[in-house]
Amino acid sequence: MKVAQKGSSDALLAKLSLREKRVFVTNDQDFTEYAKTEIFSVVWLRIPQHDSVALLTSFEKMLKDSPALKGSLVILYPEKFDVFPLGEIIEYK
C-alpha cells in the first residue's frame, strides 16, 4: 500500500498508478473518467470511510470474486461491486 501526499494532483496520482501498476482507491468521482492508458486501475468507494466493517467486507469479496483489475474501474458498494472497463461511460447509483 502506498499513500499519496496530500495535495497531489490527479494527473500525478494517475501517472504513478500506471507506472507502478497500482490499483488506485478513491472516493473521488473524477478518477472514474480516466482511460486505461492514463491509470492502471481504479476502485471508486461508494462506502462511507468511517464504516470499516463494510469496507473490509466489501474489499474481501471484491478481491475474491473479481477478475484481474488491470484496466478496470470497480465501483465498490456495501455488499456488492460493479466492474467496467476504464474509459467507458457509466451510469451508477
Protein backbone atom coordinates (compact mmCIF):
# COMPACT_ATOMS: atom_id res chain seq x y z
CA MET A 1 0.00 0.00 0.00
CA LYS A 2 1.16 3.49 -0.81
CA VAL A 3 -0.49 6.67 0.48
CA ALA A 4 -0.34 9.75 -1.71
CA GLN A 5 0.93 13.04 -0.39
CA LYS A 6 -1.92 15.41 0.41
CA GLY A 7 -2.41 17.95 -2.35
CA SER A 8 -1.01 15.73 -5.13
CA SER A 9 -2.58 16.44 -8.50
CA ASP A 10 -4.97 13.93 -10.06
CA ALA A 11 -2.69 13.66 -13.11
CA LEU A 12 0.34 12.84 -10.93
CA LEU A 13 -1.61 10.20 -8.99
CA ALA A 14 -2.89 8.60 -12.19
CA LYS A 15 0.59 8.55 -13.70
CA LEU A 16 2.02 6.96 -10.54
CA SER A 17 -0.70 4.29 -10.58
CA LEU A 18 0.08 3.43 -14.20
CA ARG A 19 3.87 3.48 -13.81
CA GLU A 20 3.89 1.35 -10.65
CA LYS A 21 0.94 -0.88 -11.71
CA ARG A 22 -1.02 0.07 -8.60
CA VAL A 23 -4.76 -0.03 -8.10
CA PHE A 24 -5.93 3.45 -7.18
CA VAL A 25 -8.53 3.50 -4.38
CA THR A 26 -10.51 6.73 -4.04
CA ASN A 27 -13.74 8.45 -3.11
CA ASP A 28 -13.16 10.96 -5.91
CA GLN A 29 -15.53 10.54 -8.86
CA ASP A 30 -13.07 12.34 -11.17
CA PHE A 31 -10.97 9.18 -11.43
CA THR A 32 -13.88 7.23 -12.97
CA GLU A 33 -13.29 9.17 -16.20
CA TYR A 34 -9.69 8.09 -16.78
CA ALA A 35 -8.79 5.74 -19.64
CA LYS A 36 -6.65 2.62 -19.28
CA THR A 37 -3.80 4.49 -20.99
CA GLU A 38 -3.82 7.03 -18.13
CA ILE A 39 -4.23 4.94 -14.96
CA PHE A 40 -3.68 1.28 -14.05
CA SER A 41 -6.99 0.60 -12.29
CA VAL A 42 -9.48 2.44 -10.08
CA VAL A 43 -11.60 1.29 -7.15
CA TRP A 44 -14.19 4.00 -6.51
CA LEU A 45 -15.53 3.71 -2.97
CA ARG A 46 -19.26 4.20 -2.52
CA ILE A 47 -18.97 3.16 1.13
CA PRO A 48 -18.54 5.66 3.96
CA GLN A 49 -14.90 5.69 5.07
CA HIS A 50 -15.90 5.52 8.72
CA ASP A 51 -17.63 2.15 8.12
CA SER A 52 -14.54 -0.03 8.44
CA VAL A 53 -16.53 -3.27 8.68
CA ALA A 54 -18.33 -2.60 5.38
CA LEU A 55 -15.08 -1.53 3.72
CA LEU A 56 -13.22 -4.67 4.77
CA THR A 57 -16.11 -7.00 3.93
CA SER A 58 -16.63 -5.41 0.51
CA PHE A 59 -12.92 -5.38 -0.35
CA GLU A 60 -12.58 -9.02 0.68
CA LYS A 61 -15.49 -10.05 -1.54
CA MET A 62 -14.21 -7.95 -4.46
CA LEU A 63 -10.72 -9.42 -4.25
CA LYS A 64 -12.09 -12.95 -4.03
CA ASP A 65 -14.70 -12.68 -6.79
CA SER A 66 -13.38 -10.13 -9.28
CA PRO A 67 -11.38 -10.78 -12.41
CA ALA A 68 -7.98 -9.16 -12.83
CA LEU A 69 -8.27 -5.45 -12.07
CA LYS A 70 -5.84 -4.09 -14.68
CA GLY A 71 -7.66 -1.60 -16.90
CA SER A 72 -10.80 -1.74 -14.78
CA LEU A 73 -12.99 0.65 -12.89
CA VAL A 74 -14.53 -1.06 -9.87
CA ILE A 75 -17.37 0.69 -8.10
CA LEU A 76 -17.42 -0.73 -4.59
CA TYR A 77 -20.71 -0.58 -2.70
CA PRO A 78 -21.62 -2.19 0.61
CA GLU A 79 -22.43 -5.82 -0.22
CA LYS A 80 -21.60 -5.62 -3.96
CA PHE A 81 -19.34 -4.23 -6.66
CA ASP A 82 -19.58 -3.44 -10.37
CA VAL A 83 -16.66 -3.75 -12.82
CA PHE A 84 -16.32 -1.69 -16.01
CA PRO A 85 -13.51 -1.13 -18.49
CA LEU A 86 -11.71 2.14 -17.79
CA GLY A 87 -12.81 4.95 -20.06
CA GLU A 88 -16.30 3.56 -20.57
CA ILE A 89 -19.18 5.94 -19.91
CA ILE A 90 -21.12 4.53 -16.98
CA GLU A 91 -24.28 5.20 -15.07
CA TYR A 92 -24.08 4.49 -11.37
CA LYS A 93 -26.40 4.51 -8.42
